Amino acid sequence: MFYDDDLIIGRVPKKVKERTKENMEVYNMTLYDAFQEATREFAKTGTELWKAWYYDDFRKFIPSVYNSEYLDFSKYPLKYARITQ
């Protein structure tokens, strides 16, 4: 799979997108692994992106790597959706 800006949706810092692209193109990582590593490195603690990394649930940011049935957030809610700091 090759990187495309349309693969990542939502508000994601530019550093995360750039690192994801680098991971996919240089190190031949999958989108999920590349995004997870970039998020671990650059997401600020307490943000929604950091919570997605912490709970290992990136459905809101990279839905293309998940089965479509799990993208129904009313049936399968995000683990971090109701958590506030």
PDB file of N, CA and C in Angstrom:
ATOM      1  N   MET A   1       0.846  -1.174   0.000  1.00  0.00           N
ATOM      2  CA  MET A   1       0.000   0.000   0.000  1.00  0.00           C
ATOM      3  C   MET A   1       0.892   1.238   0.000  1.00  0.00           C
ATOM      4  N   PHE A   2       0.500   2.217  -0.779  1.00  0.00           N
ATOM      5  CA  PHE A   2       1.240   3.461  -0.838  1.00  0.00           C
ATOM      6  C   PHE A   2       0.490   4.538  -0.069  1.00  0.00           C
ATOM      7  N   TYR A   3       1.225   5.477   0.452  1.00  0.00           N
ATOM      8  CA  TYR A   3       0.627   6.547   1.242  1.00  0.00           C
ATOM      9  C   TYR A   3      -0.142   7.505   0.342  1.00  0.00           C
ATOM     10  N   ASP A   4      -1.289   7.957   0.865  1.00  0.00           N
ATOM     11  CA  ASP A   4      -2.100   8.981   0.210  1.00  0.00           C
ATOM     12  C   ASP A   4      -2.705   9.817   1.329  1.00  0.00           C
ATOM     13  N   ASP A   5      -2.773  11.118   1.140  1.00  0.00           N
ATOM     14  CA  ASP A   5      -3.310  12.003   2.182  1.00  0.00           C
ATOM     15  C   ASP A   5      -4.752  11.677   2.546  1.00  0.00           C
ATOM     16  N   ASP A   6      -5.479  11.041   1.634  1.00  0.00           N
ATOM     17  CA  ASP A   6      -6.881  10.697   1.895  1.00  0.00           C
ATOM     18  C   ASP A   6      -7.032   9.506   2.847  1.00  0.00           C
ATOM     19  N   LEU A   7      -5.962   8.800   3.143  1.00  0.00           N
ATOM     20  CA  LEU A   7      -6.041   7.637   4.032  1.00  0.00           C
ATOM     21  C   LEU A   7      -6.256   8.046   5.487  1.00  0.00           C
ATOM     22  N   ILE A   8      -5.778   9.219   5.852  1.00  0.00           N
ATOM     23  CA  ILE A   8      -5.910   9.716   7.220  1.00  0.00           C
ATOM     24  C   ILE A   8      -6.962  10.818   7.219  1.00  0.00           C
ATOM     25  N   ILE A   9      -7.979  10.657   8.069  1.00  0.00           N
ATOM     26  CA  ILE A   9      -9.034  11.660   8.139  1.00  0.00           C
ATOM     27  C   ILE A   9      -9.043  12.299   9.521  1.00  0.00           C
ATOM     28  N   GLY A  10      -9.743  13.393   9.647  1.00  0.00           N
ATOM     29  CA  GLY A  10      -9.816  14.088  10.936  1.00  0.00           C
ATOM     30  C   GLY A  10      -8.635  15.011  11.129  1.00  0.00           C
ATOM     31  N   ARG A  11      -8.610  15.623  12.300  1.00  0.00           N
ATOM     32  CA  ARG A  11      -7.538  16.563  12.625  1.00  0.00           C
ATOM     33  C   ARG A  11      -6.348  15.797  13.179  1.00  0.00           C
ATOM     34  N   VAL A  12      -5.310  15.722  12.376  1.00  0.00           N
ATOM     35  CA  VAL A  12      -4.089  15.009  12.738  1.00  0.00           C
ATOM     36  C   VAL A  12      -2.919  15.945  12.470  1.00  0.00           C
ATOM     37  N   PRO A  13      -1.995  16.080  13.433  1.00  0.00           N
ATOM     38  CA  PRO A  13      -0.853  16.976  13.232  1.00  0.00           C
ATOM     39  C   PRO A  13      -0.032  16.601  11.991  1.00  0.00           C
ATOM     40  N   LYS A  14       0.551  17.617  11.389  1.00  0.00           N
ATOM     41  CA  LYS A  14       1.338  17.422  10.174  1.00  0.00           C
ATOM     42  C   LYS A  14       2.509  16.465  10.417  1.00  0.00           C
ATOM     43  N   LYS A  15       3.129  16.546  11.594  1.00  0.00           N
ATOM     44  CA  LYS A  15       4.252  15.660  11.904  1.00  0.00           C
ATOM     45  C   LYS A  15       3.842  14.193  11.870  1.00  0.00           C
ATOM     46  N   VAL A  16       2.631  13.910  12.343  1.00  0.00           N
ATOM     47  CA  VAL A  16       2.139  12.525  12.346  1.00  0.00           C
ATOM     48  C   VAL A  16       1.932  12.055  10.914  1.00  0.00           C
ATOM     49  N   LYS A  17       1.350  12.903  10.086  1.00  0.00           N
ATOM     50  CA  LYS A  17       1.133  12.527   8.684  1.00  0.00           C
ATOM     51  C   LYS A  17       2.459  12.310   7.961  1.00  0.00           C
ATOM     52  N   GLU A  18       3.416  13.206   8.178  1.00  0.00           N
ATOM     53  CA  GLU A  18       4.710  13.082   7.520  1.00  0.00           C
ATOM     54  C   GLU A  18       5.447  11.829   7.970  1.00  0.00           C
ATOM     55  N   ARG A  19       5.401  11.531   9.271  1.00  0.00           N
ATOM     56  CA  ARG A  19       6.068  10.338   9.777  1.00  0.00           C
ATOM     57  C   ARG A  19       5.388   9.069   9.269  1.00  0.00           C
ATOM     58  N   THR A  20       4.057   9.106   9.171  1.00  0.00           N
ATOM     59  CA  THR A  20       3.328   7.959   8.627  1.00  0.00           C
ATOM     60  C   THR A  20       3.762   7.703   7.188  1.00  0.00           C
ATOM     61  N   LYS A  21       3.843   8.764   6.414  1.00  0.00           N
ATOM     62  CA  LYS A  21       4.283   8.638   5.019  1.00  0.00           C
ATOM     63  C   LYS A  21       5.694   8.070   4.942  1.00  0.00           C
ATOM     64  N   GLU A  22       6.592   8.581   5.762  1.00  0.00           N
ATOM     65  CA  GLU A  22       7.970   8.083   5.785  1.00  0.00           C
ATOM     66  C   GLU A  22       8.001   6.599   6.152  1.00  0.00           C
ATOM     67  N   ASN A  23       7.266   6.235   7.183  1.00  0.00           N
ATOM     68  CA  ASN A  23       7.250   4.833   7.618  1.00  0.00           C
ATOM     69  C   ASN A  23       6.757   3.906   6.511  1.00  0.00           C
ATOM     70  N   MET A  24       5.757   4.338   5.777  1.00  0.00           N
ATOM     71  CA  MET A  24       5.196   3.496   4.720  1.00  0.00           C
ATOM     72  C   MET A  24       6.117   3.414   3.502  1.00  0.00           C
ATOM     73  N   GLU A  25       6.701   4.538   3.121  1.00  0.00           N
ATOM     74  CA  GLU A  25       7.504   4.564   1.905  1.00  0.00           C
ATOM     75  C   GLU A  25       8.936   4.075   2.109  1.00  0.00           C
ATOM     76  N   VAL A  26       9.536   4.417   3.227  1.00  0.00           N
ATOM     77  CA  VAL A  26      10.927   4.043   3.456  1.00  0.00           C
ATOM     78  C   VAL A  26      11.045   2.673   4.122  1.00  0.00           C
ATOM     79  N   TYR A  27      10.193   2.420   5.121  1.00  0.00           N
ATOM     80  CA  TYR A  27      10.321   1.190   5.906  1.00  0.00           C
ATOM     81  C   TYR A  27       9.290   0.130   5.541  1.00  0.00           C
ATOM     82  N   ASN A  28       8.458   0.404   4.528  1.00  0.00           N
ATOM     83  CA  ASN A  28       7.460  -0.555   4.033  1.00  0.00           C
ATOM     84  C   ASN A  28       6.525  -1.070   5.127  1.00  0.00           C
ATOM     85  N   MET A  29       6.123  -0.191   6.008  1.00  0.00           N
ATOM     86  CA  MET A  29       5.182  -0.556   7.066  1.00  0.00           C
ATOM     87  C   MET A  29       3.755  -0.431   6.525  1.00  0.00           C
ATOM     88  N   THR A  30       2.833  -1.151   7.153  1.00  0.00           N
ATOM     89  CA  THR A  30       1.424  -1.006   6.793  1.00  0.00           C
ATOM     90  C   THR A  30       0.930   0.336   7.319  1.00  0.00           C
ATOM     91  N   LEU A  31      -0.205   0.777   6.812  1.00  0.00           N
ATOM     92  CA  LEU A  31      -0.771   2.047   7.262  1.00  0.00           C
ATOM     93  C   LEU A  31      -1.005   2.021   8.768  1.00  0.00           C
ATOM     94  N   TYR A  32      -1.562   0.934   9.275  1.00  0.00           N
ATOM     95  CA  TYR A  32      -1.864   0.847  10.709  1.00  0.00           C
ATOM     96  C   TYR A  32      -0.591   0.972  11.540  1.00  0.00           C
ATOM     97  N   ASP A  33       0.427   0.186  11.209  1.00  0.00           N
ATOM     98  CA  ASP A  33       1.675   0.214  11.976  1.00  0.00           C
ATOM     99  C   ASP A  33       2.392   1.554  11.850  1.00  0.00           C
ATOM    100  N   ALA A  34       2.392   2.116  10.663  1.00  0.00           N
ATOM    101  CA  ALA A  34       3.052   3.397  10.434  1.00  0.00           C
ATOM    102  C   ALA A  34       2.368   4.513  11.216  1.00  0.00           C
ATOM    103  N   PHE A  35       1.037   4.526  11.196  1.00  0.00           N
ATOM    104  CA  PHE A  35       0.284   5.552  11.914  1.00  0.00           C
ATOM    105  C   PHE A  35       0.430   5.374  13.422  1.00  0.00           C
ATOM    106  N   GLN A  36       0.422   4.142  13.885  1.00  0.00           N
ATOM    107  CA  GLN A  36       0.571   3.868  15.312  1.00  0.00           C
ATOM    108  C   GLN A  36       1.929   4.368  15.818  1.00  0.00           C
ATOM    109  N   GLU A  37       2.982   4.104  15.082  1.00  0.00           N
ATOM    110  CA  GLU A  37       4.317   4.549  15.489  1.00  0.00           C
ATOM    111  C   GLU A  37       4.408   6.067  15.476  1.00  0.00           C
ATOM    112  N   ALA A  38       3.878   6.691  14.439  1.00  0.00           N
ATOM    113  CA  ALA A  38       3.918   8.156  14.341  1.00  0.00           C
ATOM    114  C   ALA A  38       3.112   8.800  15.464  1.00  0.00           C
ATOM    115  N   THR A  39       1.978   8.216  15.778  1.00  0.00           N
ATOM    116  CA  THR A  39       1.130   8.740  16.856  1.00  0.00           C
ATOM    117  C   THR A  39       1.836   8.604  18.202  1.00  0.00           C
ATOM    118  N   ARG A  40       2.468   7.473  18.415  1.00  0.00           N
ATOM    119  CA  ARG A  40       3.199   7.262  19.674  1.00  0.00           C
ATOM    120  C   ARG A  40       4.286   8.319  19.854  1.00  0.00           C
ATOM    121  N   GLU A  41       4.936   8.683  18.765  1.00  0.00           N
ATOM    122  CA  GLU A  41       6.034   9.652  18.840  1.00  0.00           C
ATOM    123  C   GLU A  41       5.564  11.104  18.970  1.00  0.00           C
ATOM    124  N   PHE A  42       4.479  11.470  18.295  1.00  0.00           N
ATOM    125  CA  PHE A  42       4.148  12.888  18.164  1.00  0.00           C
ATOM    126  C   PHE A  42       2.842  13.354  18.795  1.00  0.00           C
ATOM    127  N   ALA A  43       1.962  12.459  19.188  1.00  0.00           N
ATOM    128  CA  ALA A  43       0.686  12.900  19.770  1.00  0.00           C
ATOM    129  C   ALA A  43       0.918  13.470  21.166  1.00  0.00           C
ATOM    130  N   LYS A  44       0.260  14.571  21.454  1.00  0.00           N
ATOM    131  CA  LYS A  44       0.391  15.190  22.768  1.00  0.00           C
ATOM    132  C   LYS A  44      -0.503  14.465  23.768  1.00  0.00           C
ATOM    133  N   THR A  45       0.011  14.261  24.958  1.00  0.00           N
ATOM    134  CA  THR A  45      -0.716  13.558  26.006  1.00  0.00           C
ATOM    135  C   THR A  45      -2.059  14.223  26.289  1.00  0.00           C
ATOM    136  N   GLY A  46      -3.095  13.388  26.367  1.00  0.00           N
ATOM    137  CA  GLY A  46      -4.420  13.881  26.695  1.00  0.00           C
ATOM    138  C   GLY A  46      -5.287  14.234  25.500  1.00  0.00           C
ATOM    139  N   THR A  47      -4.690  14.338  24.305  1.00  0.00           N
ATOM    140  CA  THR A  47      -5.480  14.650  23.120  1.00  0.00           C
ATOM    141  C   THR A  47      -6.255  13.420  22.658  1.00  0.00           C
ATOM    142  N   GLU A  48      -7.224  13.653  21.797  1.00  0.00           N
ATOM    143  CA  GLU A  48      -8.019  12.534  21.284  1.00  0.00           C
ATOM    144  C   GLU A  48      -7.144  11.552  20.508  1.00  0.00           C
ATOM    145  N   LEU A  49      -6.175  12.062  19.778  1.00  0.00           N
ATOM    146  CA  LEU A  49      -5.262  11.196  19.035  1.00  0.00           C
ATOM    147  C   LEU A  49      -4.422  10.351  19.987  1.00  0.00           C
ATOM    148  N   TRP A  50      -3.944  10.948  21.069  1.00  0.00           N
ATOM    149  CA  TRP A  50      -3.177  10.199  22.061  1.00  0.00           C
ATOM    150  C   TRP A  50      -4.041   9.111  22.700  1.00  0.00           C
ATOM    151  N   LYS A  51      -5.302   9.435  22.998  1.00  0.00           N
ATOM    152  CA  LYS A  51      -6.216   8.442  23.571  1.00  0.00           C
ATOM    153  C   LYS A  51      -6.459   7.296  22.594  1.00  0.00           C
ATOM    154  N   ALA A  52      -6.560   7.627  21.315  1.00  0.00           N
ATOM    155  CA  ALA A  52      -6.722   6.581  20.300  1.00  0.00           C
ATOM    156  C   ALA A  52      -5.508   5.657  20.298  1.00  0.00           C
ATOM    157  N   TRP A  53      -4.313   6.233  20.430  1.00  0.00           N
ATOM    158  CA  TRP A  53      -3.102   5.408  20.516  1.00  0.00           C
ATOM    159  C   TRP A  53      -3.119   4.580  21.804  1.00  0.00           C
ATOM    160  N   TYR A  54      -3.447   5.180  22.921  1.00  0.00           N
ATOM    161  CA  TYR A  54      -3.444   4.501  24.212  1.00  0.00           C
ATOM    162  C   TYR A  54      -4.392   3.303  24.205  1.00  0.00           C
ATOM    163  N   TYR A  55      -5.585   3.480  23.626  1.00  0.00           N
ATOM    164  CA  TYR A  55      -6.562   2.392  23.575  1.00  0.00           C
ATOM    165  C   TYR A  55      -6.438   1.557  22.300  1.00  0.00           C
ATOM    166  N   ASP A  56      -5.462   1.884  21.473  1.00  0.00           N
ATOM    167  CA  ASP A  56      -5.197   1.133  20.245  1.00  0.00           C
ATOM    168  C   ASP A  56      -6.448   1.025  19.378  1.00  0.00           C
ATOM    169  N   ASP A  57      -7.110   2.144  19.172  1.00  0.00           N
ATOM    170  CA  ASP A  57      -8.349   2.186  18.401  1.00  0.00           C
ATOM    171  C   ASP A  57      -8.330   3.425  17.505  1.00  0.00           C
ATOM    172  N   PHE A  58      -7.875   3.257  16.278  1.00  0.00           N
ATOM    173  CA  PHE A  58      -7.712   4.368  15.346  1.00  0.00           C
ATOM    174  C   PHE A  58      -8.836   4.461  14.321  1.00  0.00           C
ATOM    175  N   ARG A  59      -9.991   3.867  14.599  1.00  0.00           N
ATOM    176  CA  ARG A  59     -11.089   3.843  13.626  1.00  0.00           C
ATOM    177  C   ARG A  59     -11.495   5.228  13.162  1.00  0.00           C
ATOM    178  N   LYS A  60     -11.417   6.204  14.032  1.00  0.00           N
ATOM    179  CA  LYS A  60     -11.830   7.569  13.678  1.00  0.00           C
ATOM    180  C   LYS A  60     -10.829   8.246  12.739  1.00  0.00           C
ATOM    181  N   PHE A  61      -9.582   7.820  12.765  1.00  0.00           N
ATOM    182  CA  PHE A  61      -8.532   8.481  12.000  1.00  0.00           C
ATOM    183  C   PHE A  61      -8.112   7.722  10.737  1.00  0.00           C
ATOM    184  N   ILE A  62      -8.115   6.394  10.783  1.00  0.00           N
ATOM    185  CA  ILE A  62      -7.748   5.597   9.609  1.00  0.00           C
ATOM    186  C   ILE A  62      -8.774   4.469   9.411  1.00  0.00           C
ATOM    187  N   PRO A  63      -9.993   4.821   9.023  1.00  0.00           N
ATOM    188  CA  PRO A  63     -11.051   3.816   8.902  1.00  0.00           C
ATOM    189  C   PRO A  63     -10.796   2.775   7.817  1.00  0.00           C
ATOM    190  N   SER A  64      -9.946   3.062   6.857  1.00  0.00           N
ATOM    191  CA  SER A  64      -9.724   2.132   5.756  1.00  0.00           C
ATOM    192  C   SER A  64      -9.063   0.822   6.186  1.00  0.00           C
ATOM    193  N   VAL A  65      -8.453   0.781   7.362  1.00  0.00           N
ATOM    194  CA  VAL A  65      -7.796  -0.456   7.798  1.00  0.00           C
ATOM    195  C   VAL A  65      -8.722  -1.361   8.608  1.00  0.00           C
ATOM    196  N   TYR A  66      -9.947  -0.923   8.845  1.00  0.00           N
ATOM    197  CA  TYR A  66     -10.901  -1.703   9.647  1.00  0.00           C
ATOM    198  C   TYR A  66     -12.014  -2.268   8.770  1.00  0.00           C
ATOM    199  N   ASN A  67     -12.599  -3.370   9.207  1.00  0.00           N
ATOM    200  CA  ASN A  67     -13.790  -3.902   8.550  1.00  0.00           C
ATOM    201  C   ASN A  67     -14.912  -2.892   8.702  1.00  0.00           C
ATOM    202  N   SER A  68     -15.709  -2.722   7.669  1.00  0.00           N
ATOM    203  CA  SER A  68     -16.744  -1.691   7.669  1.00  0.00           C
ATOM    204  C   SER A  68     -17.780  -1.882   8.779  1.00  0.00           C
ATOM    205  N   GLU A  69     -18.017  -3.111   9.208  1.00  0.00           N
ATOM    206  CA  GLU A  69     -19.013  -3.324  10.263  1.00  0.00           C
ATOM    207  C   GLU A  69     -18.585  -2.683  11.587  1.00  0.00           C
ATOM    208  N   TYR A  70     -17.294  -2.561  11.826  1.00  0.00           N
ATOM    209  CA  TYR A  70     -16.808  -1.980  13.077  1.00  0.00           C
ATOM    210  C   TYR A  70     -16.739  -0.455  13.034  1.00  0.00           C
ATOM    211  N   LEU A  71     -17.097   0.139  11.915  1.00  0.00           N
ATOM    212  CA  LEU A  71     -17.109   1.593  11.804  1.00  0.00           C
ATOM    213  C   LEU A  71     -18.441   2.191  12.238  1.00  0.00           C
ATOM    214  N   ASP A  72     -19.361   1.351  12.662  1.00  0.00           N
ATOM    215  CA  ASP A  72     -20.643   1.809  13.203  1.00  0.00           C
ATOM    216  C   ASP A  72     -20.406   2.152  14.674  1.00  0.00           C
ATOM    217  N   PHE A  73     -20.171   3.445  14.945  1.00  0.00           N
ATOM    218  CA  PHE A  73     -19.807   3.858  16.301  1.00  0.00           C
ATOM    219  C   PHE A  73     -20.958   3.758  17.295  1.00  0.00           C
ATOM    220  N   SER A  74     -22.189   3.675  16.803  1.00  0.00           N
ATOM    221  CA  SER A  74     -23.308   3.490  17.733  1.00  0.00           C
ATOM    222  C   SER A  74     -23.353   2.044  18.240  1.00  0.00           C
ATOM    223  N   LYS A  75     -22.938   1.125  17.405  1.00  0.00           N
ATOM    224  CA  LYS A  75     -22.913  -0.295  17.796  1.00  0.00           C
ATOM    225  C   LYS A  75     -21.595  -0.650  18.495  1.00  0.00           C
ATOM    226  N   TYR A  76     -20.501  -0.097  17.984  1.00  0.00           N
ATOM    227  CA  TYR A  76     -19.169  -0.329  18.545  1.00  0.00           C
ATOM    228  C   TYR A  76     -18.547   1.023  18.892  1.00  0.00           C
ATOM    229  N   PRO A  77     -18.894   1.581  20.039  1.00  0.00           N
ATOM    230  CA  PRO A  77     -18.392   2.932  20.371  1.00  0.00           C
ATOM    231  C   PRO A  77     -16.875   2.939  20.604  1.00  0.00           C
ATOM    232  N   LEU A  78     -16.300   4.099  20.403  1.00  0.00           N
ATOM    233  CA  LEU A  78     -14.878   4.261  20.686  1.00  0.00           C
ATOM    234  C   LEU A  78     -14.665   4.147  22.190  1.00  0.00           C
ATOM    235  N   LYS A  79     -13.644   3.447  22.590  1.00  0.00           N
ATOM    236  CA  LYS A  79     -13.377   3.232  24.016  1.00  0.00           C
ATOM    237  C   LYS A  79     -13.077   4.534  24.750  1.00  0.00           C
ATOM    238  N   TYR A  80     -12.513   5.472  24.043  1.00  0.00           N
ATOM    239  CA  TYR A  80     -12.073   6.720  24.667  1.00  0.00           C
ATOM    240  C   TYR A  80     -13.066   7.872  24.474  1.00  0.00           C
ATOM    241  N   ALA A  81     -14.203   7.626  23.854  1.00  0.00           N
ATOM    242  CA  ALA A  81     -15.144   8.708  23.533  1.00  0.00           C
ATOM    243  C   ALA A  81     -15.709   9.400  24.767  1.00  0.00           C
ATOM    244  N   ARG A  82     -15.950   8.656  25.820  1.00  0.00           N
ATOM    245  CA  ARG A  82     -16.577   9.263  27.009  1.00  0.00           C
ATOM    246  C   ARG A  82     -15.584   9.583  28.115  1.00  0.00           C
ATOM    247  N   ILE A  83     -14.311   9.477  27.822  1.00  0.00           N
ATOM    248  CA  ILE A  83     -13.268   9.754  28.808  1.00  0.00           C
ATOM    249  C   ILE A  83     -12.820  11.206  28.647  1.00  0.00           C
ATOM    250  N   THR A  84     -12.814  11.951  29.729  1.00  0.00           N
ATOM    251  CA  THR A  84     -12.358  13.335  29.706  1.00  0.00           C
ATOM    252  C   THR A  84     -11.246  13.511  30.738  1.00  0.00           C
ATOM    253  N   GLN A  85     -10.480  14.551  30.564  1.00  0.00           N
ATOM    254  CA  GLN A  85      -9.422  14.828  31.534  1.00  0.00           C
ATOM    255  C   GLN A  85      -9.708  16.106  32.268  1.00  0.00           C
TER     256      GLN A  85
END
